Amino acid sequence: IGGAMSNTFLQAVGYDMKNSLIEENLLE
């Protein structure tokens, strides 16, 4: 998994992705 969609997965495992594009509603 790469691209901006990987930001959501990285955020989901506990990383702070700062200003990266994140889909907060899909973390779970």
mmCIF file of all heavy atoms, coordinates in Angstrom:
data_MODEL
# 
_entry.id   MODEL 
# 
loop_
_atom_site.group_PDB 
_atom_site.id 
_atom_site.type_symbol 
_atom_site.label_atom_id 
_atom_site.label_alt_id 
_atom_site.label_comp_id 
_atom_site.label_asym_id 
_atom_site.label_entity_id 
_atom_site.label_seq_id 
_atom_site.pdbx_PDB_ins_code 
_atom_site.Cartn_x 
_atom_site.Cartn_y 
_atom_site.Cartn_z 
_atom_site.occupancy 
_atom_site.B_iso_or_equiv 
_atom_site.pdbx_formal_charge 
_atom_site.auth_seq_id 
_atom_site.auth_comp_id 
_atom_site.auth_asym_id 
_atom_site.auth_atom_id 
_atom_site.pdbx_PDB_model_num 
ATOM 1   N N   . ILE A 1 1  ? 0.853   -1.188 0.000  1.00 0.00 ? 1  ILE A N   1 
ATOM 2   C CA  . ILE A 1 1  ? 0.000   0.000  0.000  1.00 0.00 ? 1  ILE A CA  1 
ATOM 3   C C   . ILE A 1 1  ? 0.891   1.241  0.000  1.00 0.00 ? 1  ILE A C   1 
ATOM 4   O O   . ILE A 1 1  ? 1.743   1.412  0.877  1.00 0.00 ? 1  ILE A O   1 
ATOM 5   C CB  . ILE A 1 1  ? -0.933  0.044  1.231  1.00 0.00 ? 1  ILE A CB  1 
ATOM 6   C CG1 . ILE A 1 1  ? -1.847  -1.191 1.248  1.00 0.00 ? 1  ILE A CG1 1 
ATOM 7   C CG2 . ILE A 1 1  ? -1.789  1.315  1.214  1.00 0.00 ? 1  ILE A CG2 1 
ATOM 8   C CD1 . ILE A 1 1  ? -2.755  -1.270 2.461  1.00 0.00 ? 1  ILE A CD1 1 
ATOM 9   N N   . GLY A 1 2  ? 0.704   2.088  -1.009 1.00 0.00 ? 2  GLY A N   1 
ATOM 10  C CA  . GLY A 1 2  ? 1.476   3.323  -1.111 1.00 0.00 ? 2  GLY A CA  1 
ATOM 11  C C   . GLY A 1 2  ? 0.567   4.473  -1.488 1.00 0.00 ? 2  GLY A C   1 
ATOM 12  O O   . GLY A 1 2  ? -0.652  4.377  -1.381 1.00 0.00 ? 2  GLY A O   1 
ATOM 13  N N   . GLY A 1 3  ? 1.162   5.552  -1.974 1.00 0.00 ? 3  GLY A N   1 
ATOM 14  C CA  . GLY A 1 3  ? 0.368   6.723  -2.327 1.00 0.00 ? 3  GLY A CA  1 
ATOM 15  C C   . GLY A 1 3  ? -0.222  7.374  -1.093 1.00 0.00 ? 3  GLY A C   1 
ATOM 16  O O   . GLY A 1 3  ? 0.048   6.988  0.047  1.00 0.00 ? 3  GLY A O   1 
ATOM 17  N N   . ALA A 1 4  ? -1.086  8.358  -1.316 1.00 0.00 ? 4  ALA A N   1 
ATOM 18  C CA  . ALA A 1 4  ? -1.682  9.082  -0.192 1.00 0.00 ? 4  ALA A CA  1 
ATOM 19  C C   . ALA A 1 4  ? -2.551  8.172  0.672  1.00 0.00 ? 4  ALA A C   1 
ATOM 20  O O   . ALA A 1 4  ? -2.719  8.421  1.861  1.00 0.00 ? 4  ALA A O   1 
ATOM 21  C CB  . ALA A 1 4  ? -2.496  10.263 -0.710 1.00 0.00 ? 4  ALA A CB  1 
ATOM 22  N N   . MET A 1 5  ? -3.092  7.092  0.080  1.00 0.00 ? 5  MET A N   1 
ATOM 23  C CA  . MET A 1 5  ? -3.946  6.216  0.877  1.00 0.00 ? 5  MET A CA  1 
ATOM 24  C C   . MET A 1 5  ? -3.163  5.516  1.984  1.00 0.00 ? 5  MET A C   1 
ATOM 25  O O   . MET A 1 5  ? -3.733  5.144  3.011  1.00 0.00 ? 5  MET A O   1 
ATOM 26  C CB  . MET A 1 5  ? -4.667  5.199  -0.001 1.00 0.00 ? 5  MET A CB  1 
ATOM 27  C CG  . MET A 1 5  ? -3.799  4.203  -0.718 1.00 0.00 ? 5  MET A CG  1 
ATOM 28  S SD  . MET A 1 5  ? -4.795  3.075  -1.734 1.00 0.00 ? 5  MET A SD  1 
ATOM 29  C CE  . MET A 1 5  ? -5.700  2.184  -0.487 1.00 0.00 ? 5  MET A CE  1 
ATOM 30  N N   . SER A 1 6  ? -1.854  5.357  1.794  1.00 0.00 ? 6  SER A N   1 
ATOM 31  C CA  . SER A 1 6  ? -1.053  4.734  2.855  1.00 0.00 ? 6  SER A CA  1 
ATOM 32  C C   . SER A 1 6  ? -0.961  5.632  4.086  1.00 0.00 ? 6  SER A C   1 
ATOM 33  O O   . SER A 1 6  ? -0.715  5.147  5.206  1.00 0.00 ? 6  SER A O   1 
ATOM 34  C CB  . SER A 1 6  ? 0.351   4.406  2.342  1.00 0.00 ? 6  SER A CB  1 
ATOM 35  O OG  . SER A 1 6  ? 1.084   5.580  2.042  1.00 0.00 ? 6  SER A OG  1 
ATOM 36  N N   . ASN A 1 7  ? -1.165  6.952  3.907  1.00 0.00 ? 7  ASN A N   1 
ATOM 37  C CA  . ASN A 1 7  ? -1.139  7.863  5.066  1.00 0.00 ? 7  ASN A CA  1 
ATOM 38  C C   . ASN A 1 7  ? -2.195  7.488  6.089  1.00 0.00 ? 7  ASN A C   1 
ATOM 39  O O   . ASN A 1 7  ? -1.961  7.544  7.295  1.00 0.00 ? 7  ASN A O   1 
ATOM 40  C CB  . ASN A 1 7  ? -1.384  9.314  4.608  1.00 0.00 ? 7  ASN A CB  1 
ATOM 41  C CG  . ASN A 1 7  ? -0.332  9.809  3.646  1.00 0.00 ? 7  ASN A CG  1 
ATOM 42  O OD1 . ASN A 1 7  ? 0.807   9.334  3.656  1.00 0.00 ? 7  ASN A OD1 1 
ATOM 43  N ND2 . ASN A 1 7  ? -0.703  10.757 2.806  1.00 0.00 ? 7  ASN A ND2 1 
ATOM 44  N N   . THR A 1 8  ? -3.375  7.118  5.583  1.00 0.00 ? 8  THR A N   1 
ATOM 45  C CA  . THR A 1 8  ? -4.467  6.739  6.492  1.00 0.00 ? 8  THR A CA  1 
ATOM 46  C C   . THR A 1 8  ? -4.104  5.475  7.263  1.00 0.00 ? 8  THR A C   1 
ATOM 47  O O   . THR A 1 8  ? -4.385  5.362  8.459  1.00 0.00 ? 8  THR A O   1 
ATOM 48  C CB  . THR A 1 8  ? -5.770  6.536  5.692  1.00 0.00 ? 8  THR A CB  1 
ATOM 49  O OG1 . THR A 1 8  ? -6.113  7.771  5.052  1.00 0.00 ? 8  THR A OG1 1 
ATOM 50  C CG2 . THR A 1 8  ? -6.915  6.115  6.605  1.00 0.00 ? 8  THR A CG2 1 
ATOM 51  N N   . PHE A 1 9  ? -3.474  4.525  6.592  1.00 0.00 ? 9  PHE A N   1 
ATOM 52  C CA  . PHE A 1 9  ? -3.063  3.294  7.275  1.00 0.00 ? 9  PHE A CA  1 
ATOM 53  C C   . PHE A 1 9  ? -1.967  3.569  8.301  1.00 0.00 ? 9  PHE A C   1 
ATOM 54  O O   . PHE A 1 9  ? -1.983  3.013  9.408  1.00 0.00 ? 9  PHE A O   1 
ATOM 55  C CB  . PHE A 1 9  ? -2.579  2.263  6.250  1.00 0.00 ? 9  PHE A CB  1 
ATOM 56  C CG  . PHE A 1 9  ? -3.699  1.553  5.548  1.00 0.00 ? 9  PHE A CG  1 
ATOM 57  C CD1 . PHE A 1 9  ? -4.270  2.084  4.409  1.00 0.00 ? 9  PHE A CD1 1 
ATOM 58  C CD2 . PHE A 1 9  ? -4.196  0.350  6.044  1.00 0.00 ? 9  PHE A CD2 1 
ATOM 59  C CE1 . PHE A 1 9  ? -5.312  1.439  3.756  1.00 0.00 ? 9  PHE A CE1 1 
ATOM 60  C CE2 . PHE A 1 9  ? -5.235  -0.302 5.409  1.00 0.00 ? 9  PHE A CE2 1 
ATOM 61  C CZ  . PHE A 1 9  ? -5.799  0.240  4.270  1.00 0.00 ? 9  PHE A CZ  1 
ATOM 62  N N   . LEU A 1 10 ? -1.026  4.429  7.945  1.00 0.00 ? 10 LEU A N   1 
ATOM 63  C CA  . LEU A 1 10 ? 0.052   4.760  8.888  1.00 0.00 ? 10 LEU A CA  1 
ATOM 64  C C   . LEU A 1 10 ? -0.498  5.509  10.104 1.00 0.00 ? 10 LEU A C   1 
ATOM 65  O O   . LEU A 1 10 ? -0.078  5.274  11.240 1.00 0.00 ? 10 LEU A O   1 
ATOM 66  C CB  . LEU A 1 10 ? 1.128   5.586  8.177  1.00 0.00 ? 10 LEU A CB  1 
ATOM 67  C CG  . LEU A 1 10 ? 1.940   4.824  7.120  1.00 0.00 ? 10 LEU A CG  1 
ATOM 68  C CD1 . LEU A 1 10 ? 2.767   5.783  6.270  1.00 0.00 ? 10 LEU A CD1 1 
ATOM 69  C CD2 . LEU A 1 10 ? 2.837   3.779  7.779  1.00 0.00 ? 10 LEU A CD2 1 
ATOM 70  N N   . GLN A 1 11 ? -1.439  6.412  9.862  1.00 0.00 ? 11 GLN A N   1 
ATOM 71  C CA  . GLN A 1 11 ? -2.094  7.117  10.963 1.00 0.00 ? 11 GLN A CA  1 
ATOM 72  C C   . GLN A 1 11 ? -2.846  6.114  11.838 1.00 0.00 ? 11 GLN A C   1 
ATOM 73  O O   . GLN A 1 11 ? -2.870  6.226  13.064 1.00 0.00 ? 11 GLN A O   1 
ATOM 74  C CB  . GLN A 1 11 ? -3.061  8.171  10.410 1.00 0.00 ? 11 GLN A CB  1 
ATOM 75  C CG  . GLN A 1 11 ? -3.701  9.070  11.461 1.00 0.00 ? 11 GLN A CG  1 
ATOM 76  C CD  . GLN A 1 11 ? -2.918  10.338 11.729 1.00 0.00 ? 11 GLN A CD  1 
ATOM 77  O OE1 . GLN A 1 11 ? -1.895  10.580 11.101 1.00 0.00 ? 11 GLN A OE1 1 
ATOM 78  N NE2 . GLN A 1 11 ? -3.377  11.146 12.679 1.00 0.00 ? 11 GLN A NE2 1 
ATOM 79  N N   . ALA A 1 12 ? -3.448  5.106  11.194 1.00 0.00 ? 12 ALA A N   1 
ATOM 80  C CA  . ALA A 1 12 ? -4.239  4.107  11.918 1.00 0.00 ? 12 ALA A CA  1 
ATOM 81  C C   . ALA A 1 12 ? -3.389  3.256  12.853 1.00 0.00 ? 12 ALA A C   1 
ATOM 82  O O   . ALA A 1 12 ? -3.887  2.775  13.876 1.00 0.00 ? 12 ALA A O   1 
ATOM 83  C CB  . ALA A 1 12 ? -4.974  3.211  10.920 1.00 0.00 ? 12 ALA A CB  1 
ATOM 84  N N   . VAL A 1 13 ? -2.101  3.080  12.510 1.00 0.00 ? 13 VAL A N   1 
ATOM 85  C CA  . VAL A 1 13 ? -1.233  2.279  13.388 1.00 0.00 ? 13 VAL A CA  1 
ATOM 86  C C   . VAL A 1 13 ? -0.497  3.140  14.403 1.00 0.00 ? 13 VAL A C   1 
ATOM 87  O O   . VAL A 1 13 ? 0.369   2.658  15.132 1.00 0.00 ? 13 VAL A O   1 
ATOM 88  C CB  . VAL A 1 13 ? -0.226  1.445  12.568 1.00 0.00 ? 13 VAL A CB  1 
ATOM 89  C CG1 . VAL A 1 13 ? -0.969  0.452  11.680 1.00 0.00 ? 13 VAL A CG1 1 
ATOM 90  C CG2 . VAL A 1 13 ? 0.712   2.322  11.742 1.00 0.00 ? 13 VAL A CG2 1 
ATOM 91  N N   . GLY A 1 14 ? -0.837  4.453  14.421 1.00 0.00 ? 14 GLY A N   1 
ATOM 92  C CA  . GLY A 1 14 ? -0.317  5.291  15.488 1.00 0.00 ? 14 GLY A CA  1 
ATOM 93  C C   . GLY A 1 14 ? 0.673   6.360  15.092 1.00 0.00 ? 14 GLY A C   1 
ATOM 94  O O   . GLY A 1 14 ? 1.163   7.102  15.949 1.00 0.00 ? 14 GLY A O   1 
ATOM 95  N N   . TYR A 1 15 ? 0.985   6.482  13.792 1.00 0.00 ? 15 TYR A N   1 
ATOM 96  C CA  . TYR A 1 15 ? 1.919   7.519  13.366 1.00 0.00 ? 15 TYR A CA  1 
ATOM 97  C C   . TYR A 1 15 ? 1.196   8.858  13.229 1.00 0.00 ? 15 TYR A C   1 
ATOM 98  O O   . TYR A 1 15 ? 0.026   8.906  12.874 1.00 0.00 ? 15 TYR A O   1 
ATOM 99  C CB  . TYR A 1 15 ? 2.562   7.170  12.015 1.00 0.00 ? 15 TYR A CB  1 
ATOM 100 C CG  . TYR A 1 15 ? 3.454   5.950  12.022 1.00 0.00 ? 15 TYR A CG  1 
ATOM 101 C CD1 . TYR A 1 15 ? 4.035   5.494  10.852 1.00 0.00 ? 15 TYR A CD1 1 
ATOM 102 C CD2 . TYR A 1 15 ? 3.711   5.245  13.197 1.00 0.00 ? 15 TYR A CD2 1 
ATOM 103 C CE1 . TYR A 1 15 ? 4.860   4.374  10.827 1.00 0.00 ? 15 TYR A CE1 1 
ATOM 104 C CE2 . TYR A 1 15 ? 4.529   4.125  13.194 1.00 0.00 ? 15 TYR A CE2 1 
ATOM 105 C CZ  . TYR A 1 15 ? 5.092   3.688  12.013 1.00 0.00 ? 15 TYR A CZ  1 
ATOM 106 O OH  . TYR A 1 15 ? 5.897   2.577  12.009 1.00 0.00 ? 15 TYR A OH  1 
ATOM 107 N N   . ASP A 1 16 ? 1.924   9.936  13.494 1.00 0.00 ? 16 ASP A N   1 
ATOM 108 C CA  . ASP A 1 16 ? 1.389   11.281 13.270 1.00 0.00 ? 16 ASP A CA  1 
ATOM 109 C C   . ASP A 1 16 ? 1.840   11.728 11.879 1.00 0.00 ? 16 ASP A C   1 
ATOM 110 O O   . ASP A 1 16 ? 3.011   12.035 11.659 1.00 0.00 ? 16 ASP A O   1 
ATOM 111 C CB  . ASP A 1 16 ? 1.916   12.241 14.339 1.00 0.00 ? 16 ASP A CB  1 
ATOM 112 C CG  . ASP A 1 16 ? 1.336   13.649 14.199 1.00 0.00 ? 16 ASP A CG  1 
ATOM 113 O OD1 . ASP A 1 16 ? 0.613   13.906 13.205 1.00 0.00 ? 16 ASP A OD1 1 
ATOM 114 O OD2 . ASP A 1 16 ? 1.607   14.489 15.075 1.00 0.00 ? 16 ASP A OD2 1 
ATOM 115 N N   . MET A 1 17 ? 0.906   11.765 10.934 1.00 0.00 ? 17 MET A N   1 
ATOM 116 C CA  . MET A 1 17 ? 1.249   12.060 9.552  1.00 0.00 ? 17 MET A CA  1 
ATOM 117 C C   . MET A 1 17 ? 1.218   13.555 9.229  1.00 0.00 ? 17 MET A C   1 
ATOM 118 O O   . MET A 1 17 ? 1.260   13.958 8.070  1.00 0.00 ? 17 MET A O   1 
ATOM 119 C CB  . MET A 1 17 ? 0.308   11.294 8.612  1.00 0.00 ? 17 MET A CB  1 
ATOM 120 C CG  . MET A 1 17 ? 0.408   9.780  8.764  1.00 0.00 ? 17 MET A CG  1 
ATOM 121 S SD  . MET A 1 17 ? 2.092   9.158  8.518  1.00 0.00 ? 17 MET A SD  1 
ATOM 122 C CE  . MET A 1 17 ? 2.324   9.451  6.777  1.00 0.00 ? 17 MET A CE  1 
ATOM 123 N N   . LYS A 1 18 ? 1.131   14.370 10.288 1.00 0.00 ? 18 LYS A N   1 
ATOM 124 C CA  . LYS A 1 18 ? 1.197   15.830 10.180 1.00 0.00 ? 18 LYS A CA  1 
ATOM 125 C C   . LYS A 1 18 ? 0.188   16.366 9.150  1.00 0.00 ? 18 LYS A C   1 
ATOM 126 O O   . LYS A 1 18 ? -0.999  16.135 9.271  1.00 0.00 ? 18 LYS A O   1 
ATOM 127 C CB  . LYS A 1 18 ? 2.632   16.279 9.847  1.00 0.00 ? 18 LYS A CB  1 
ATOM 128 C CG  . LYS A 1 18 ? 3.655   15.877 10.904 1.00 0.00 ? 18 LYS A CG  1 
ATOM 129 C CD  . LYS A 1 18 ? 3.330   16.437 12.274 1.00 0.00 ? 18 LYS A CD  1 
ATOM 130 C CE  . LYS A 1 18 ? 4.476   16.292 13.261 1.00 0.00 ? 18 LYS A CE  1 
ATOM 131 N NZ  . LYS A 1 18 ? 4.824   14.894 13.596 1.00 0.00 ? 18 LYS A NZ  1 
ATOM 132 N N   . ASN A 1 19 ? 0.663   17.059 8.101  1.00 0.00 ? 19 ASN A N   1 
ATOM 133 C CA  . ASN A 1 19 ? -0.255  17.692 7.139  1.00 0.00 ? 19 ASN A CA  1 
ATOM 134 C C   . ASN A 1 19 ? -0.633  16.783 5.967  1.00 0.00 ? 19 ASN A C   1 
ATOM 135 O O   . ASN A 1 19 ? -1.250  17.228 5.006  1.00 0.00 ? 19 ASN A O   1 
ATOM 136 C CB  . ASN A 1 19 ? 0.377   18.975 6.580  1.00 0.00 ? 19 ASN A CB  1 
ATOM 137 C CG  . ASN A 1 19 ? 0.308   20.123 7.573  1.00 0.00 ? 19 ASN A CG  1 
ATOM 138 O OD1 . ASN A 1 19 ? -0.043  19.912 8.724  1.00 0.00 ? 19 ASN A OD1 1 
ATOM 139 N ND2 . ASN A 1 19 ? 0.647   21.321 7.135  1.00 0.00 ? 19 ASN A ND2 1 
ATOM 140 N N   . SER A 1 20 ? -0.268  15.518 6.039  1.00 0.00 ? 20 SER A N   1 
ATOM 141 C CA  . SER A 1 20 ? -0.550  14.584 4.949  1.00 0.00 ? 20 SER A CA  1 
ATOM 142 C C   . SER A 1 20 ? -2.053  14.366 4.790  1.00 0.00 ? 20 SER A C   1 
ATOM 143 O O   . SER A 1 20 ? -2.820  14.505 5.749  1.00 0.00 ? 20 SER A O   1 
ATOM 144 C CB  . SER A 1 20 ? 0.123   13.231 5.221  1.00 0.00 ? 20 SER A CB  1 
ATOM 145 O OG  . SER A 1 20 ? 1.512   13.381 5.420  1.00 0.00 ? 20 SER A OG  1 
ATOM 146 N N   . LEU A 1 21 ? -2.453  14.021 3.565  1.00 0.00 ? 21 LEU A N   1 
ATOM 147 C CA  . LEU A 1 21 ? -3.853  13.717 3.291  1.00 0.00 ? 21 LEU A CA  1 
ATOM 148 C C   . LEU A 1 21 ? -4.271  12.471 4.072  1.00 0.00 ? 21 LEU A C   1 
ATOM 149 O O   . LEU A 1 21 ? -3.680  11.409 3.929  1.00 0.00 ? 21 LEU A O   1 
ATOM 150 C CB  . LEU A 1 21 ? -4.055  13.472 1.785  1.00 0.00 ? 21 LEU A CB  1 
ATOM 151 C CG  . LEU A 1 21 ? -5.466  13.120 1.332  1.00 0.00 ? 21 LEU A CG  1 
ATOM 152 C CD1 . LEU A 1 21 ? -6.426  14.259 1.610  1.00 0.00 ? 21 LEU A CD1 1 
ATOM 153 C CD2 . LEU A 1 21 ? -5.460  12.772 -0.163 1.00 0.00 ? 21 LEU A CD2 1 
ATOM 154 N N   . ILE A 1 22 ? -5.278  12.631 4.916  1.00 0.00 ? 22 ILE A N   1 
ATOM 155 C CA  . ILE A 1 22 ? -5.770  11.535 5.765  1.00 0.00 ? 22 ILE A CA  1 
ATOM 156 C C   . ILE A 1 22 ? -7.284  11.474 5.651  1.00 0.00 ? 22 ILE A C   1 
ATOM 157 O O   . ILE A 1 22 ? -7.957  12.498 5.579  1.00 0.00 ? 22 ILE A O   1 
ATOM 158 C CB  . ILE A 1 22 ? -5.412  11.777 7.266  1.00 0.00 ? 22 ILE A CB  1 
ATOM 159 C CG1 . ILE A 1 22 ? -3.905  11.897 7.456  1.00 0.00 ? 22 ILE A CG1 1 
ATOM 160 C CG2 . ILE A 1 22 ? -5.999  10.679 8.150  1.00 0.00 ? 22 ILE A CG2 1 
ATOM 161 C CD1 . ILE A 1 22 ? -3.147  10.617 7.325  1.00 0.00 ? 22 ILE A CD1 1 
ATOM 162 N N   . GLU A 1 23 ? -7.839  10.274 5.635  1.00 0.00 ? 23 GLU A N   1 
ATOM 163 C CA  . GLU A 1 23 ? -9.284  10.092 5.718  1.00 0.00 ? 23 GLU A CA  1 
ATOM 164 C C   . GLU A 1 23 ? -9.606  9.649  7.143  1.00 0.00 ? 23 GLU A C   1 
ATOM 165 O O   . GLU A 1 23 ? -9.613  8.453  7.460  1.00 0.00 ? 23 GLU A O   1 
ATOM 166 C CB  . GLU A 1 23 ? -9.757  9.061  4.685  1.00 0.00 ? 23 GLU A CB  1 
ATOM 167 C CG  . GLU A 1 23 ? -9.641  9.567  3.257  1.00 0.00 ? 23 GLU A CG  1 
ATOM 168 C CD  . GLU A 1 23 ? -10.066 8.533  2.238  1.00 0.00 ? 23 GLU A CD  1 
ATOM 169 O OE1 . GLU A 1 23 ? -9.221  7.701  1.877  1.00 0.00 ? 23 GLU A OE1 1 
ATOM 170 O OE2 . GLU A 1 23 ? -11.237 8.552  1.807  1.00 0.00 ? 23 GLU A OE2 1 
ATOM 171 N N   . GLU A 1 24 ? -9.850  10.629 7.992  1.00 0.00 ? 24 GLU A N   1 
ATOM 172 C CA  . GLU A 1 24 ? -10.050 10.372 9.422  1.00 0.00 ? 24 GLU A CA  1 
ATOM 173 C C   . GLU A 1 24 ? -11.189 9.392  9.689  1.00 0.00 ? 24 GLU A C   1 
ATOM 174 O O   . GLU A 1 24 ? -11.122 8.579  10.610 1.00 0.00 ? 24 GLU A O   1 
ATOM 175 C CB  . GLU A 1 24 ? -10.329 11.701 10.148 1.00 0.00 ? 24 GLU A CB  1 
ATOM 176 C CG  . GLU A 1 24 ? -9.185  12.701 10.137 1.00 0.00 ? 24 GLU A CG  1 
ATOM 177 C CD  . GLU A 1 24 ? -8.101  12.377 11.155 1.00 0.00 ? 24 GLU A CD  1 
ATOM 178 O OE1 . GLU A 1 24 ? -8.323  11.452 11.978 1.00 0.00 ? 24 GLU A OE1 1 
ATOM 179 O OE2 . GLU A 1 24 ? -7.055  13.041 11.131 1.00 0.00 ? 24 GLU A OE2 1 
ATOM 180 N N   . ASN A 1 25 ? -12.233 9.468  8.861  1.00 0.00 ? 25 ASN A N   1 
ATOM 181 C CA  . ASN A 1 25 ? -13.404 8.616  9.081  1.00 0.00 ? 25 ASN A CA  1 
ATOM 182 C C   . ASN A 1 25 ? -13.162 7.155  8.708  1.00 0.00 ? 25 ASN A C   1 
ATOM 183 O O   . ASN A 1 25 ? -14.010 6.290  8.955  1.00 0.00 ? 25 ASN A O   1 
ATOM 184 C CB  . ASN A 1 25 ? -14.605 9.150  8.292  1.00 0.00 ? 25 ASN A CB  1 
ATOM 185 C CG  . ASN A 1 25 ? -14.355 9.160  6.786  1.00 0.00 ? 25 ASN A CG  1 
ATOM 186 O OD1 . ASN A 1 25 ? -13.263 9.526  6.344  1.00 0.00 ? 25 ASN A OD1 1 
ATOM 187 N ND2 . ASN A 1 25 ? -15.348 8.775  6.017  1.00 0.00 ? 25 ASN A ND2 1 
ATOM 188 N N   . LEU A 1 26 ? -11.985 6.869  8.123  1.00 0.00 ? 26 LEU A N   1 
ATOM 189 C CA  . LEU A 1 26 ? -11.701 5.495  7.710  1.00 0.00 ? 26 LEU A CA  1 
ATOM 190 C C   . LEU A 1 26 ? -10.551 4.858  8.488  1.00 0.00 ? 26 LEU A C   1 
ATOM 191 O O   . LEU A 1 26 ? -10.055 3.788  8.124  1.00 0.00 ? 26 LEU A O   1 
ATOM 192 C CB  . LEU A 1 26 ? -11.382 5.455  6.210  1.00 0.00 ? 26 LEU A CB  1 
ATOM 193 C CG  . LEU A 1 26 ? -12.553 5.765  5.269  1.00 0.00 ? 26 LEU A CG  1 
ATOM 194 C CD1 . LEU A 1 26 ? -12.108 5.732  3.824  1.00 0.00 ? 26 LEU A CD1 1 
ATOM 195 C CD2 . LEU A 1 26 ? -13.698 4.776  5.483  1.00 0.00 ? 26 LEU A CD2 1 
ATOM 196 N N   . LEU A 1 27 ? -10.145 5.498  9.571  1.00 0.00 ? 27 LEU A N   1 
ATOM 197 C CA  . LEU A 1 27 ? -9.047  4.949  10.371 1.00 0.00 ? 27 LEU A CA  1 
ATOM 198 C C   . LEU A 1 27 ? -9.392  3.577  10.929 1.00 0.00 ? 27 LEU A C   1 
ATOM 199 O O   . LEU A 1 27 ? -8.567  2.645  10.908 1.00 0.00 ? 27 LEU A O   1 
ATOM 200 C CB  . LEU A 1 27 ? -8.678  5.917  11.503 1.00 0.00 ? 27 LEU A CB  1 
ATOM 201 C CG  . LEU A 1 27 ? -8.026  7.242  11.066 1.00 0.00 ? 27 LEU A CG  1 
ATOM 202 C CD1 . LEU A 1 27 ? -7.816  8.157  12.264 1.00 0.00 ? 27 LEU A CD1 1 
ATOM 203 C CD2 . LEU A 1 27 ? -6.695  6.974  10.363 1.00 0.00 ? 27 LEU A CD2 1 
ATOM 204 N N   . GLU A 1 28 ? -10.608 3.422  11.422 1.00 0.00 ? 28 GLU A N   1 
ATOM 205 C CA  . GLU A 1 28 ? -11.001 2.132  11.985 1.00 0.00 ? 28 GLU A CA  1 
ATOM 206 C C   . GLU A 1 28 ? -11.114 1.071  10.899 1.00 0.00 ? 28 GLU A C   1 
ATOM 207 O O   . GLU A 1 28 ? -10.767 -0.096 11.111 1.00 0.00 ? 28 GLU A O   1 
ATOM 208 C CB  . GLU A 1 28 ? -12.336 2.259  12.751 1.00 0.00 ? 28 GLU A CB  1 
ATOM 209 C CG  . GLU A 1 28 ? -12.704 1.028  13.575 1.00 0.00 ? 28 GLU A CG  1 
ATOM 210 C CD  . GLU A 1 28 ? -11.606 0.616  14.552 1.00 0.00 ? 28 GLU A CD  1 
ATOM 211 O OE1 . GLU A 1 28 ? -10.974 1.498  15.179 1.00 0.00 ? 28 GLU A OE1 1 
ATOM 212 O OE2 . GLU A 1 28 ? -11.373 -0.609 14.680 1.00 0.00 ? 28 GLU A OE2 1 
# 
